[in-house]
Amino acid sequence: VQLQASGGGLVQPGGSLRLSCVASESIHSSIRMGWYRQAPGTQRELVASIRSGRDPDYGASVEDRATISRDNAKKSVYLHLRNLRPEDTAIYYCNAGGPRNGFWGQGTLVTVSS
C-alpha cells in the first residue's frame, strides 16, 4: 500500500489547514488510518487515528484542535487542524495499519510561523 499525503505548507499561528492522504488501494474501514508527526529532535507522535466502530483517537497536544475524518470510497483520510501553534511545526505522516506494522506515507511538512 502506498500513501500519498498532501496539504502541508506555511501557516500563520492561529490559522488552520487540512491535510489529505490517499491510499493506492482500498483499506478496510476496520483498519486504523491516521496521522503522526515528527519535529526535529523528537520522536514521532500520534496526532489522530480513526477506524470503524471506535471513536477517533487524538494526541494530547492536539485533542481539542484536530478533527480526523475518512472517506473509504475515496481511499482517503483527512486531518483538519485549527488554531495552529509554532509547536505544531513538524513533518506529518499518514499511516495505515498502525505505527508498528503499518504503512507510511512520505510525509508533508507543516510550518507554523509568522
PDB file of N, CA and C in Angstrom:
ATOM      1  N   VAL A   1       0.850  -1.183   0.000  1.00  0.00           N
ATOM      2  CA  VAL A   1       0.000   0.000   0.000  1.00  0.00           C
ATOM      3  C   VAL A   1       0.892   1.242   0.000  1.00  0.00           C
ATOM      4  N   GLN A   2       0.603   2.138  -0.913  1.00  0.00           N
ATOM      5  CA  GLN A   2       1.308   3.424  -0.927  1.00  0.00           C
ATOM      6  C   GLN A   2       0.362   4.518  -0.466  1.00  0.00           C
ATOM      7  N   LEU A   3       0.895   5.423   0.315  1.00  0.00           N
ATOM      8  CA  LEU A   3       0.103   6.520   0.865  1.00  0.00           C
ATOM      9  C   LEU A   3       0.706   7.836   0.409  1.00  0.00           C
ATOM     10  N   GLN A   4      -0.140   8.688  -0.123  1.00  0.00           N
ATOM     11  CA  GLN A   4       0.312   9.980  -0.630  1.00  0.00           C
ATOM     12  C   GLN A   4      -0.341  11.090   0.166  1.00  0.00           C
ATOM     13  N   ALA A   5       0.478  11.808   0.925  1.00  0.00           N
ATOM     14  CA  ALA A   5      -0.026  12.894   1.755  1.00  0.00           C
ATOM     15  C   ALA A   5       0.173  14.229   1.054  1.00  0.00           C
ATOM     16  N   SER A   6      -0.718  15.154   1.328  1.00  0.00           N
ATOM     17  CA  SER A   6      -0.618  16.491   0.765  1.00  0.00           C
ATOM     18  C   SER A   6      -1.301  17.489   1.695  1.00  0.00           C
ATOM     19  N   GLY A   7      -1.061  18.763   1.431  1.00  0.00           N
ATOM     20  CA  GLY A   7      -1.744  19.808   2.180  1.00  0.00           C
ATOM     21  C   GLY A   7      -0.878  20.575   3.150  1.00  0.00           C
ATOM     22  N   GLY A   8       0.376  20.174   3.303  1.00  0.00           N
ATOM     23  CA  GLY A   8       1.253  20.903   4.201  1.00  0.00           C
ATOM     24  C   GLY A   8       1.680  22.236   3.604  1.00  0.00           C
ATOM     25  N   GLY A   9       2.371  23.004   4.408  1.00  0.00           N
ATOM     26  CA  GLY A   9       2.843  24.295   3.953  1.00  0.00           C
ATOM     27  C   GLY A   9       3.084  25.222   5.111  1.00  0.00           C
ATOM     28  N   LEU A  10       3.210  26.494   4.795  1.00  0.00           N
ATOM     29  CA  LEU A  10       3.440  27.528   5.798  1.00  0.00           C
ATOM     30  C   LEU A  10       2.107  28.117   6.231  1.00  0.00           C
ATOM     31  N   VAL A  11       1.900  28.132   7.536  1.00  0.00           N
ATOM     32  CA  VAL A  11       0.657  28.644   8.100  1.00  0.00           C
ATOM     33  C   VAL A  11       0.998  29.599   9.239  1.00  0.00           C
ATOM     34  N   GLN A  12       0.244  30.661   9.337  1.00  0.00           N
ATOM     35  CA  GLN A  12       0.461  31.591  10.444  1.00  0.00           C
ATOM     36  C   GLN A  12      -0.131  31.048  11.734  1.00  0.00           C
ATOM     37  N   PRO A  13       0.452  31.407  12.858  1.00  0.00           N
ATOM     38  CA  PRO A  13      -0.139  30.996  14.146  1.00  0.00           C
ATOM     39  C   PRO A  13      -1.604  31.420  14.228  1.00  0.00           C
ATOM     40  N   GLY A  14      -2.413  30.511  14.739  1.00  0.00           N
ATOM     41  CA  GLY A  14      -3.844  30.755  14.812  1.00  0.00           C
ATOM     42  C   GLY A  14      -4.609  30.298  13.587  1.00  0.00           C
ATOM     43  N   GLY A  15      -3.887  29.971  12.549  1.00  0.00           N
ATOM     44  CA  GLY A  15      -4.524  29.531  11.319  1.00  0.00           C
ATOM     45  C   GLY A  15      -4.928  28.067  11.365  1.00  0.00           C
ATOM     46  N   SER A  16      -5.396  27.585  10.238  1.00  0.00           N
ATOM     47  CA  SER A  16      -5.814  26.190  10.143  1.00  0.00           C
ATOM     48  C   SER A  16      -5.358  25.607   8.818  1.00  0.00           C
ATOM     49  N   LEU A  17      -5.361  24.296   8.757  1.00  0.00           N
ATOM     50  CA  LEU A  17      -5.055  23.635   7.498  1.00  0.00           C
ATOM     51  C   LEU A  17      -5.724  22.271   7.465  1.00  0.00           C
ATOM     52  N   ARG A  18      -5.765  21.721   6.276  1.00  0.00           N
ATOM     53  CA  ARG A  18      -6.363  20.403   6.066  1.00  0.00           C
ATOM     54  C   ARG A  18      -5.364  19.534   5.314  1.00  0.00           C
ATOM     55  N   LEU A  19      -5.002  18.455   5.926  1.00  0.00           N
ATOM     56  CA  LEU A  19      -4.111  17.500   5.281  1.00  0.00           C
ATOM     57  C   LEU A  19      -4.946  16.378   4.683  1.00  0.00           C
ATOM     58  N   SER A  20      -4.495  15.886   3.550  1.00  0.00           N
ATOM     59  CA  SER A  20      -5.173  14.778   2.879  1.00  0.00           C
ATOM     60  C   SER A  20      -4.189  13.654   2.636  1.00  0.00           C
ATOM     61  N   CYS A  21      -4.700  12.448   2.661  1.00  0.00           N
ATOM     62  CA  CYS A  21      -3.878  11.282   2.370  1.00  0.00           C
ATOM     63  C   CYS A  21      -4.727  10.306   1.576  1.00  0.00           C
ATOM     64  N   VAL A  22      -4.197   9.890   0.435  1.00  0.00           N
ATOM     65  CA  VAL A  22      -4.913   8.925  -0.391  1.00  0.00           C
ATOM     66  C   VAL A  22      -4.082   7.661  -0.515  1.00  0.00           C
ATOM     67  N   ALA A  23      -4.735   6.537  -0.383  1.00  0.00           N
ATOM     68  CA  ALA A  23      -4.068   5.242  -0.476  1.00  0.00           C
ATOM     69  C   ALA A  23      -4.143   4.701  -1.898  1.00  0.00           C
ATOM     70  N   SER A  24      -3.176   3.876  -2.234  1.00  0.00           N
ATOM     71  CA  SER A  24      -3.127   3.303  -3.584  1.00  0.00           C
ATOM     72  C   SER A  24      -4.138   2.183  -3.781  1.00  0.00           C
ATOM     73  N   GLU A  25      -4.684   1.667  -2.669  1.00  0.00           N
ATOM     74  CA  GLU A  25      -5.711   0.637  -2.750  1.00  0.00           C
ATOM     75  C   GLU A  25      -6.648   0.789  -1.566  1.00  0.00           C
ATOM     76  N   SER A  26      -7.776   0.133  -1.670  1.00  0.00           N
ATOM     77  CA  SER A  26      -8.773   0.234  -0.618  1.00  0.00           C
ATOM     78  C   SER A  26      -8.247  -0.354   0.685  1.00  0.00           C
ATOM     79  N   ILE A  27      -8.574   0.310   1.755  1.00  0.00           N
ATOM     80  CA  ILE A  27      -8.207  -0.159   3.084  1.00  0.00           C
ATOM     81  C   ILE A  27      -9.488  -0.356   3.871  1.00  0.00           C
ATOM     82  N   HIS A  28      -9.682  -1.534   4.364  1.00  0.00           N
ATOM     83  CA  HIS A  28     -10.925  -1.836   5.068  1.00  0.00           C
ATOM     84  C   HIS A  28     -11.132  -0.854   6.209  1.00  0.00           C
ATOM     85  N   SER A  29     -12.381  -0.488   6.419  1.00  0.00           N
ATOM     86  CA  SER A  29     -12.699   0.532   7.414  1.00  0.00           C
ATOM     87  C   SER A  29     -12.307   0.118   8.826  1.00  0.00           C
ATOM     88  N   SER A  30     -12.146  -1.181   9.060  1.00  0.00           N
ATOM     89  CA  SER A  30     -11.769  -1.647  10.396  1.00  0.00           C
ATOM     90  C   SER A  30     -10.278  -1.482  10.667  1.00  0.00           C
ATOM     91  N   ILE A  31      -9.525  -1.183   9.628  1.00  0.00           N
ATOM     92  CA  ILE A  31      -8.079  -0.970   9.771  1.00  0.00           C
ATOM     93  C   ILE A  31      -7.834   0.500  10.073  1.00  0.00           C
ATOM     94  N   ARG A  32      -7.077   0.720  11.087  1.00  0.00           N
ATOM     95  CA  ARG A  32      -6.803   2.082  11.530  1.00  0.00           C
ATOM     96  C   ARG A  32      -5.996   2.862  10.495  1.00  0.00           C
ATOM     97  N   MET A  33      -6.445   4.062  10.255  1.00  0.00           N
ATOM     98  CA  MET A  33      -5.671   5.020   9.464  1.00  0.00           C
ATOM     99  C   MET A  33      -5.470   6.262  10.325  1.00  0.00           C
ATOM    100  N   GLY A  34      -4.364   6.912  10.131  1.00  0.00           N
ATOM    101  CA  GLY A  34      -4.138   8.057  10.988  1.00  0.00           C
ATOM    102  C   GLY A  34      -2.994   8.937  10.552  1.00  0.00           C
ATOM    103  N   TRP A  35      -2.714   9.900  11.391  1.00  0.00           N
ATOM    104  CA  TRP A  35      -1.655  10.876  11.167  1.00  0.00           C
ATOM    105  C   TRP A  35      -0.725  10.891  12.375  1.00  0.00           C
ATOM    106  N   TYR A  36       0.549  10.913  12.078  1.00  0.00           N
ATOM    107  CA  TYR A  36       1.580  11.071  13.087  1.00  0.00           C
ATOM    108  C   TYR A  36       2.453  12.249  12.663  1.00  0.00           C
ATOM    109  N   ARG A  37       3.185  12.781  13.600  1.00  0.00           N
ATOM    110  CA  ARG A  37       4.085  13.880  13.243  1.00  0.00           C
ATOM    111  C   ARG A  37       5.405  13.737  13.973  1.00  0.00           C
ATOM    112  N   GLN A  38       6.411  14.350  13.381  1.00  0.00           N
ATOM    113  CA  GLN A  38       7.736  14.317  13.978  1.00  0.00           C
ATOM    114  C   GLN A  38       8.424  15.650  13.744  1.00  0.00           C
ATOM    115  N   ALA A  39       8.771  16.285  14.830  1.00  0.00           N
ATOM    116  CA  ALA A  39       9.535  17.531  14.777  1.00  0.00           C
ATOM    117  C   ALA A  39      11.016  17.200  14.949  1.00  0.00           C
ATOM    118  N   PRO A  40      11.895  18.063  14.494  1.00  0.00           N
ATOM    119  CA  PRO A  40      13.333  17.793  14.634  1.00  0.00           C
ATOM    120  C   PRO A  40      13.707  17.506  16.083  1.00  0.00           C
ATOM    121  N   GLY A  41      14.451  16.427  16.285  1.00  0.00           N
ATOM    122  CA  GLY A  41      14.930  16.086  17.606  1.00  0.00           C
ATOM    123  C   GLY A  41      13.914  15.432  18.514  1.00  0.00           C
ATOM    124  N   THR A  42      12.759  15.085  17.962  1.00  0.00           N
ATOM    125  CA  THR A  42      11.727  14.458  18.787  1.00  0.00           C
ATOM    126  C   THR A  42      11.311  13.128  18.184  1.00  0.00           C
ATOM    127  N   GLN A  43      10.589  12.354  18.959  1.00  0.00           N
ATOM    128  CA  GLN A  43      10.059  11.090  18.450  1.00  0.00           C
ATOM    129  C   GLN A  43       8.755  11.329  17.706  1.00  0.00           C
ATOM    130  N   ARG A  44       8.466  10.435  16.821  1.00  0.00           N
ATOM    131  CA  ARG A  44       7.202  10.516  16.099  1.00  0.00           C
ATOM    132  C   ARG A  44       6.061  10.292  17.086  1.00  0.00           C
ATOM    133  N   GLU A  45       5.034  11.105  16.966  1.00  0.00           N
ATOM    134  CA  GLU A  45       3.911  11.012  17.902  1.00  0.00           C
ATOM    135  C   GLU A  45       2.588  10.973  17.166  1.00  0.00           C
ATOM    136  N   LEU A  46       1.616  10.377  17.819  1.00  0.00           N
ATOM    137  CA  LEU A  46       0.270  10.305  17.256  1.00  0.00           C
ATOM    138  C   LEU A  46      -0.357  11.688  17.231  1.00  0.00           C
ATOM    139  N   VAL A  47      -0.966  12.008  16.103  1.00  0.00           N
ATOM    140  CA  VAL A  47      -1.815  13.194  16.018  1.00  0.00           C
ATOM    141  C   VAL A  47      -3.272  12.766  16.116  1.00  0.00           C
ATOM    142  N   ALA A  48      -3.661  11.830  15.264  1.00  0.00           N
ATOM    143  CA  ALA A  48      -5.031  11.332  15.283  1.00  0.00           C
ATOM    144  C   ALA A  48      -5.121  10.044  14.477  1.00  0.00           C
ATOM    145  N   SER A  49      -6.051   9.183  14.873  1.00  0.00           N
ATOM    146  CA  SER A  49      -6.293   7.970  14.108  1.00  0.00           C
ATOM    147  C   SER A  49      -7.774   7.647  14.146  1.00  0.00           C
ATOM    148  N   ILE A  50      -8.198   6.853  13.159  1.00  0.00           N
ATOM    149  CA  ILE A  50      -9.616   6.561  13.024  1.00  0.00           C
ATOM    150  C   ILE A  50      -9.815   5.183  12.416  1.00  0.00           C
ATOM    151  N   ARG A  51     -10.842   4.490  12.897  1.00  0.00           N
ATOM    152  CA  ARG A  51     -11.272   3.239  12.310  1.00  0.00           C
ATOM    153  C   ARG A  51     -12.711   3.016  12.707  1.00  0.00           C
ATOM    154  N   SER A  52     -13.379   2.195  11.953  1.00  0.00           N
ATOM    155  CA  SER A  52     -14.801   1.997  12.175  1.00  0.00           C
ATOM    156  C   SER A  52     -15.052   1.338  13.519  1.00  0.00           C
ATOM    157  N   GLY A  53     -16.165   1.705  14.130  1.00  0.00           N
ATOM    158  CA  GLY A  53     -16.581   1.081  15.360  1.00  0.00           C
ATOM    159  C   GLY A  53     -15.969   1.663  16.618  1.00  0.00           C
ATOM    160  N   ARG A  54     -15.082   2.643  16.436  1.00  0.00           N
ATOM    161  CA  ARG A  54     -14.448   3.259  17.599  1.00  0.00           C
ATOM    162  C   ARG A  54     -14.407   4.770  17.421  1.00  0.00           C
ATOM    163  N   ASP A  55     -14.388   5.464  18.535  1.00  0.00           N
ATOM    164  CA  ASP A  55     -14.187   6.906  18.468  1.00  0.00           C
ATOM    165  C   ASP A  55     -12.760   7.183  17.994  1.00  0.00           C
ATOM    166  N   PRO A  56     -12.565   8.290  17.289  1.00  0.00           N
ATOM    167  CA  PRO A  56     -11.203   8.646  16.888  1.00  0.00           C
ATOM    168  C   PRO A  56     -10.310   8.854  18.108  1.00  0.00           C
ATOM    169  N   ASP A  57      -9.029   8.576  17.922  1.00  0.00           N
ATOM    170  CA  ASP A  57      -8.038   8.854  18.951  1.00  0.00           C
ATOM    171  C   ASP A  57      -7.270  10.115  18.566  1.00  0.00           C
ATOM    172  N   TYR A  58      -7.023  10.958  19.538  1.00  0.00           N
ATOM    173  CA  TYR A  58      -6.267  12.193  19.301  1.00  0.00           C
ATOM    174  C   TYR A  58      -5.102  12.279  20.275  1.00  0.00           C
ATOM    175  N   GLY A  59      -3.978  12.792  19.786  1.00  0.00           N
ATOM    176  CA  GLY A  59      -2.869  13.065  20.667  1.00  0.00           C
ATOM    177  C   GLY A  59      -3.218  14.186  21.627  1.00  0.00           C
ATOM    178  N   ALA A  60      -2.637  14.143  22.798  1.00  0.00           N
ATOM    179  CA  ALA A  60      -2.972  15.116  23.836  1.00  0.00           C
ATOM    180  C   ALA A  60      -2.676  16.550  23.402  1.00  0.00           C
ATOM    181  N   SER A  61      -1.665  16.724  22.579  1.00  0.00           N
ATOM    182  CA  SER A  61      -1.267  18.084  22.201  1.00  0.00           C
ATOM    183  C   SER A  61      -2.200  18.723  21.178  1.00  0.00           C
ATOM    184  N   VAL A  62      -3.076  17.931  20.551  1.00  0.00           N
ATOM    185  CA  VAL A  62      -3.973  18.493  19.532  1.00  0.00           C
ATOM    186  C   VAL A  62      -5.427  18.155  19.783  1.00  0.00           C
ATOM    187  N   GLU A  63      -5.721  17.533  20.883  1.00  0.00           N
ATOM    188  CA  GLU A  63      -7.019  16.895  21.102  1.00  0.00           C
ATOM    189  C   GLU A  63      -8.202  17.815  20.833  1.00  0.00           C
ATOM    190  N   ASP A  64      -8.130  19.050  21.235  1.00  0.00           N
ATOM    191  CA  ASP A  64      -9.274  19.941  21.051  1.00  0.00           C
ATOM    192  C   ASP A  64      -9.102  20.853  19.842  1.00  0.00           C
ATOM    193  N   ARG A  65      -8.112  20.563  19.027  1.00  0.00           N
ATOM    194  CA  ARG A  65      -7.859  21.399  17.857  1.00  0.00           C
ATOM    195  C   ARG A  65      -7.832  20.607  16.556  1.00  0.00           C
ATOM    196  N   ALA A  66      -8.087  19.327  16.651  1.00  0.00           N
ATOM    197  CA  ALA A  66      -7.958  18.481  15.470  1.00  0.00           C
ATOM    198  C   ALA A  66      -9.234  17.689  15.227  1.00  0.00           C
ATOM    199  N   THR A  67      -9.495  17.461  13.953  1.00  0.00           N
ATOM    200  CA  THR A  67     -10.592  16.587  13.553  1.00  0.00           C
ATOM    201  C   THR A  67     -10.087  15.678  12.444  1.00  0.00           C
ATOM    202  N   ILE A  68     -10.214  14.380  12.655  1.00  0.00           N
ATOM    203  CA  ILE A  68      -9.834  13.416  11.627  1.00  0.00           C
ATOM    204  C   ILE A  68     -11.091  12.859  11.001  1.00  0.00           C
ATOM    205  N   SER A  69     -11.032  12.638   9.704  1.00  0.00           N
ATOM    206  CA  SER A  69     -12.162  12.044   9.007  1.00  0.00           C
ATOM    207  C   SER A  69     -11.635  11.114   7.921  1.00  0.00           C
ATOM    208  N   ARG A  70     -12.550  10.318   7.396  1.00  0.00           N
ATOM    209  CA  ARG A  70     -12.135   9.277   6.459  1.00  0.00           C
ATOM    210  C   ARG A  70     -13.231   9.080   5.427  1.00  0.00           C
ATOM    211  N   ASP A  71     -12.818   8.883   4.203  1.00  0.00           N
ATOM    212  CA  ASP A  71     -13.747   8.578   3.125  1.00  0.00           C
ATOM    213  C   ASP A  71     -13.259   7.286   2.476  1.00  0.00           C
ATOM    214  N   ASN A  72     -13.847   6.176   2.857  1.00  0.00           N
ATOM    215  CA  ASN A  72     -13.370   4.880   2.370  1.00  0.00           C
ATOM    216  C   ASN A  72     -13.560   4.733   0.859  1.00  0.00           C
ATOM    217  N   ALA A  73     -14.599   5.338   0.340  1.00  0.00           N
ATOM    218  CA  ALA A  73     -14.843   5.257  -1.104  1.00  0.00           C
ATOM    219  C   ALA A  73     -13.720   5.937  -1.886  1.00  0.00           C
ATOM    220  N   LYS A  74     -13.149   6.972  -1.306  1.00  0.00           N
ATOM    221  CA  LYS A  74     -12.043   7.686  -1.956  1.00  0.00           C
ATOM    222  C   LYS A  74     -10.682   7.213  -1.460  1.00  0.00           C
ATOM    223  N   LYS A  75     -10.683   6.186  -0.598  1.00  0.00           N
ATOM    224  CA  LYS A  75      -9.440   5.634  -0.058  1.00  0.00           C
ATOM    225  C   LYS A  75      -8.612   6.726   0.614  1.00  0.00           C
ATOM    226  N   SER A  76      -9.291   7.613   1.321  1.00  0.00           N
ATOM    227  CA  SER A  76      -8.619   8.803   1.852  1.00  0.00           C
ATOM    228  C   SER A  76      -8.915   9.028   3.325  1.00  0.00           C
ATOM    229  N   VAL A  77      -7.957   9.672   3.948  1.00  0.00           N
ATOM    230  CA  VAL A  77      -8.125  10.125   5.323  1.00  0.00           C
ATOM    231  C   VAL A  77      -7.672  11.585   5.378  1.00  0.00           C
ATOM    232  N   TYR A  78      -8.354  12.354   6.202  1.00  0.00           N
ATOM    233  CA  TYR A  78      -8.106  13.785   6.264  1.00  0.00           C
ATOM    234  C   TYR A  78      -7.859  14.213   7.708  1.00  0.00           C
ATOM    235  N   LEU A  79      -7.108  15.288   7.834  1.00  0.00           N
ATOM    236  CA  LEU A  79      -6.858  15.869   9.146  1.00  0.00           C
ATOM    237  C   LEU A  79      -7.051  17.375   9.063  1.00  0.00           C
ATOM    238  N   HIS A  80      -7.953  17.874   9.874  1.00  0.00           N
ATOM    239  CA  HIS A  80      -8.175  19.315   9.956  1.00  0.00           C
ATOM    240  C   HIS A  80      -7.596  19.796  11.288  1.00  0.00           C
ATOM    241  N   LEU A  81      -6.647  20.699  11.197  1.00  0.00           N
ATOM    242  CA  LEU A  81      -6.016  21.264  12.386  1.00  0.00           C
ATOM    243  C   LEU A  81      -6.353  22.739  12.496  1.00  0.00           C
ATOM    244  N   ARG A  82      -6.769  23.153  13.674  1.00  0.00           N
ATOM    245  CA  ARG A  82      -7.185  24.553  13.903  1.00  0.00           C
ATOM    246  C   ARG A  82      -6.278  25.190  14.937  1.00  0.00           C
ATOM    247  N   ASN A  83      -6.346  26.495  14.979  1.00  0.00           N
ATOM    248  CA  ASN A  83      -5.611  27.259  15.988  1.00  0.00           C
ATOM    249  C   ASN A  83      -4.155  26.780  16.091  1.00  0.00           C
ATOM    250  N   LEU A  84      -3.518  26.755  14.956  1.00  0.00           N
ATOM    251  CA  LEU A  84      -2.166  26.210  14.889  1.00  0.00           C
ATOM    252  C   LEU A  84      -1.183  27.047  15.694  1.00  0.00           C
ATOM    253  N   ARG A  85      -0.209  26.344  16.255  1.00  0.00           N
ATOM    254  CA  ARG A  85       0.819  26.965  17.092  1.00  0.00           C
ATOM    255  C   ARG A  85       2.196  26.651  16.502  1.00  0.00           C
ATOM    256  N   PRO A  86       3.193  27.442  16.821  1.00  0.00           N
ATOM    257  CA  PRO A  86       4.539  27.132  16.311  1.00  0.00           C
ATOM    258  C   PRO A  86       5.000  25.725  16.661  1.00  0.00           C
ATOM    259  N   GLU A  87       4.570  25.220  17.813  1.00  0.00           N
ATOM    260  CA  GLU A  87       4.982  23.875  18.205  1.00  0.00           C
ATOM    261  C   GLU A  87       4.303  22.773  17.406  1.00  0.00           C
ATOM    262  N   ASP A  88       3.376  23.131  16.556  1.00  0.00           N
ATOM    263  CA  ASP A  88       2.783  22.157  15.641  1.00  0.00           C
ATOM    264  C   ASP A  88       3.665  21.946  14.406  1.00  0.00           C
ATOM    265  N   THR A  89       4.711  22.720  14.290  1.00  0.00           N
ATOM    266  CA  THR A  89       5.627  22.564  13.162  1.00  0.00           C
ATOM    267  C   THR A  89       6.273  21.191  13.196  1.00  0.00           C
ATOM    268  N   ALA A  90       6.124  20.450  12.114  1.00  0.00           N
ATOM    269  CA  ALA A  90       6.632  19.075  12.050  1.00  0.00           C
ATOM    270  C   ALA A  90       6.377  18.514  10.656  1.00  0.00           C
ATOM    271  N   ILE A  91       6.948  17.363  10.422  1.00  0.00           N
ATOM    272  CA  ILE A  91       6.557  16.586   9.249  1.00  0.00           C
ATOM    273  C   ILE A  91       5.406  15.687   9.680  1.00  0.00           C
ATOM    274  N   TYR A  92       4.335  15.736   8.933  1.00  0.00           N
ATOM    275  CA  TYR A  92       3.146  14.951   9.235  1.00  0.00           C
ATOM    276  C   TYR A  92       3.104  13.742   8.295  1.00  0.00           C
ATOM    277  N   TYR A  93       2.962  12.577   8.910  1.00  0.00           N
ATOM    278  CA  TYR A  93       2.971  11.334   8.164  1.00  0.00           C
ATOM    279  C   TYR A  93       1.605  10.662   8.232  1.00  0.00           C
ATOM    280  N   CYS A  94       1.184  10.183   7.103  1.00  0.00           N
ATOM    281  CA  CYS A  94      -0.024   9.373   7.029  1.00  0.00           C
ATOM    282  C   CYS A  94       0.342   7.914   7.306  1.00  0.00           C
ATOM    283  N   ASN A  95      -0.532   7.214   7.982  1.00  0.00           N
ATOM    284  CA  ASN A  95      -0.277   5.808   8.328  1.00  0.00           C
ATOM    285  C   ASN A  95      -1.527   4.969   8.124  1.00  0.00           C
ATOM    286  N   ALA A  96      -1.319   3.769   7.698  1.00  0.00           N
ATOM    287  CA  ALA A  96      -2.418   2.801   7.601  1.00  0.00           C
ATOM    288  C   ALA A  96      -1.970   1.506   8.243  1.00  0.00           C
ATOM    289  N   GLY A  97      -2.736   1.042   9.202  1.00  0.00           N
ATOM    290  CA  GLY A  97      -2.424  -0.230   9.836  1.00  0.00           C
ATOM    291  C   GLY A  97      -1.694  -0.119  11.154  1.00  0.00           C
ATOM    292  N   GLY A  98      -1.482   1.085  11.649  1.00  0.00           N
ATOM    293  CA  GLY A  98      -0.838   1.245  12.941  1.00  0.00           C
ATOM    294  C   GLY A  98       0.640   1.524  12.822  1.00  0.00           C
ATOM    295  N   PRO A  99       1.243   2.091  13.877  1.00  0.00           N
ATOM    296  CA  PRO A  99       2.643   2.535  13.792  1.00  0.00           C
ATOM    297  C   PRO A  99       3.661   1.413  13.799  1.00  0.00           C
ATOM    298  N   ARG A 100       3.313   0.230  14.279  1.00  0.00           N
ATOM    299  CA  ARG A 100       4.315  -0.823  14.375  1.00  0.00           C
ATOM    300  C   ARG A 100       4.482  -1.588  13.076  1.00  0.00           C
ATOM    301  N   ASN A 101       3.400  -2.005  12.492  1.00  0.00           N
ATOM    302  CA  ASN A 101       3.485  -2.877  11.311  1.00  0.00           C
ATOM    303  C   ASN A 101       2.765  -2.313  10.102  1.00  0.00           C
ATOM    304  N   GLY A 102       2.361  -1.062  10.187  1.00  0.00           N
ATOM    305  CA  GLY A 102       1.576  -0.478   9.115  1.00  0.00           C
ATOM    306  C   GLY A 102       2.409   0.147   8.019  1.00  0.00           C
ATOM    307  N   PHE A 103       1.709   0.840   7.145  1.00  0.00           N
ATOM    308  CA  PHE A 103       2.320   1.506   6.009  1.00  0.00           C
ATOM    309  C   PHE A 103       2.406   3.005   6.285  1.00  0.00           C
ATOM    310  N   TRP A 104       3.464   3.614   5.740  1.00  0.00           N
ATOM    311  CA  TRP A 104       3.695   5.035   5.957  1.00  0.00           C
ATOM    312  C   TRP A 104       3.774   5.780   4.629  1.00  0.00           C
ATOM    313  N   GLY A 105       3.228   6.987   4.639  1.00  0.00           N
ATOM    314  CA  GLY A 105       3.426   7.878   3.519  1.00  0.00           C
ATOM    315  C   GLY A 105       4.746   8.613   3.657  1.00  0.00           C
ATOM    316  N   GLN A 106       5.025   9.471   2.681  1.00  0.00           N
ATOM    317  CA  GLN A 106       6.314  10.135   2.636  1.00  0.00           C
ATOM    318  C   GLN A 106       6.394  11.358   3.553  1.00  0.00           C
ATOM    319  N   GLY A 107       5.290  11.802   4.057  1.00  0.00           N
ATOM    320  CA  GLY A 107       5.273  12.949   4.954  1.00  0.00           C
ATOM    321  C   GLY A 107       5.053  14.255   4.220  1.00  0.00           C
ATOM    322  N   THR A 108       4.423  15.177   4.911  1.00  0.00           N
ATOM    323  CA  THR A 108       4.224  16.518   4.380  1.00  0.00           C
ATOM    324  C   THR A 108       4.584  17.513   5.482  1.00  0.00           C
ATOM    325  N   LEU A 109       5.370  18.508   5.129  1.00  0.00           N
ATOM    326  CA  LEU A 109       5.883  19.442   6.107  1.00  0.00           C
ATOM    327  C   LEU A 109       4.867  20.534   6.406  1.00  0.00           C
ATOM    328  N   VAL A 110       4.626  20.730   7.693  1.00  0.00           N
ATOM    329  CA  VAL A 110       3.793  21.833   8.157  1.00  0.00           C
ATOM    330  C   VAL A 110       4.671  22.768   8.978  1.00  0.00           C
ATOM    331  N   THR A 111       4.697  24.021   8.586  1.00  0.00           N
ATOM    332  CA  THR A 111       5.472  25.032   9.302  1.00  0.00           C
ATOM    333  C   THR A 111       4.523  26.113   9.784  1.00  0.00           C
ATOM    334  N   VAL A 112       4.525  26.339  11.087  1.00  0.00           N
ATOM    335  CA  VAL A 112       3.658  27.364  11.663  1.00  0.00           C
ATOM    336  C   VAL A 112       4.551  28.512  12.122  1.00  0.00           C
ATOM    337  N   SER A 113       4.435  29.606  11.426  1.00  0.00           N
ATOM    338  CA  SER A 113       5.308  30.736  11.697  1.00  0.00           C
ATOM    339  C   SER A 113       4.700  32.001  11.138  1.00  0.00           C
ATOM    340  N   SER A 114       4.998  33.103  11.796  1.00  0.00           N
ATOM    341  CA  SER A 114       4.540  34.403  11.283  1.00  0.00           C
ATOM    342  C   SER A 114       5.625  35.039  10.419  1.00  0.00           C
TER     343      SER A 114
END
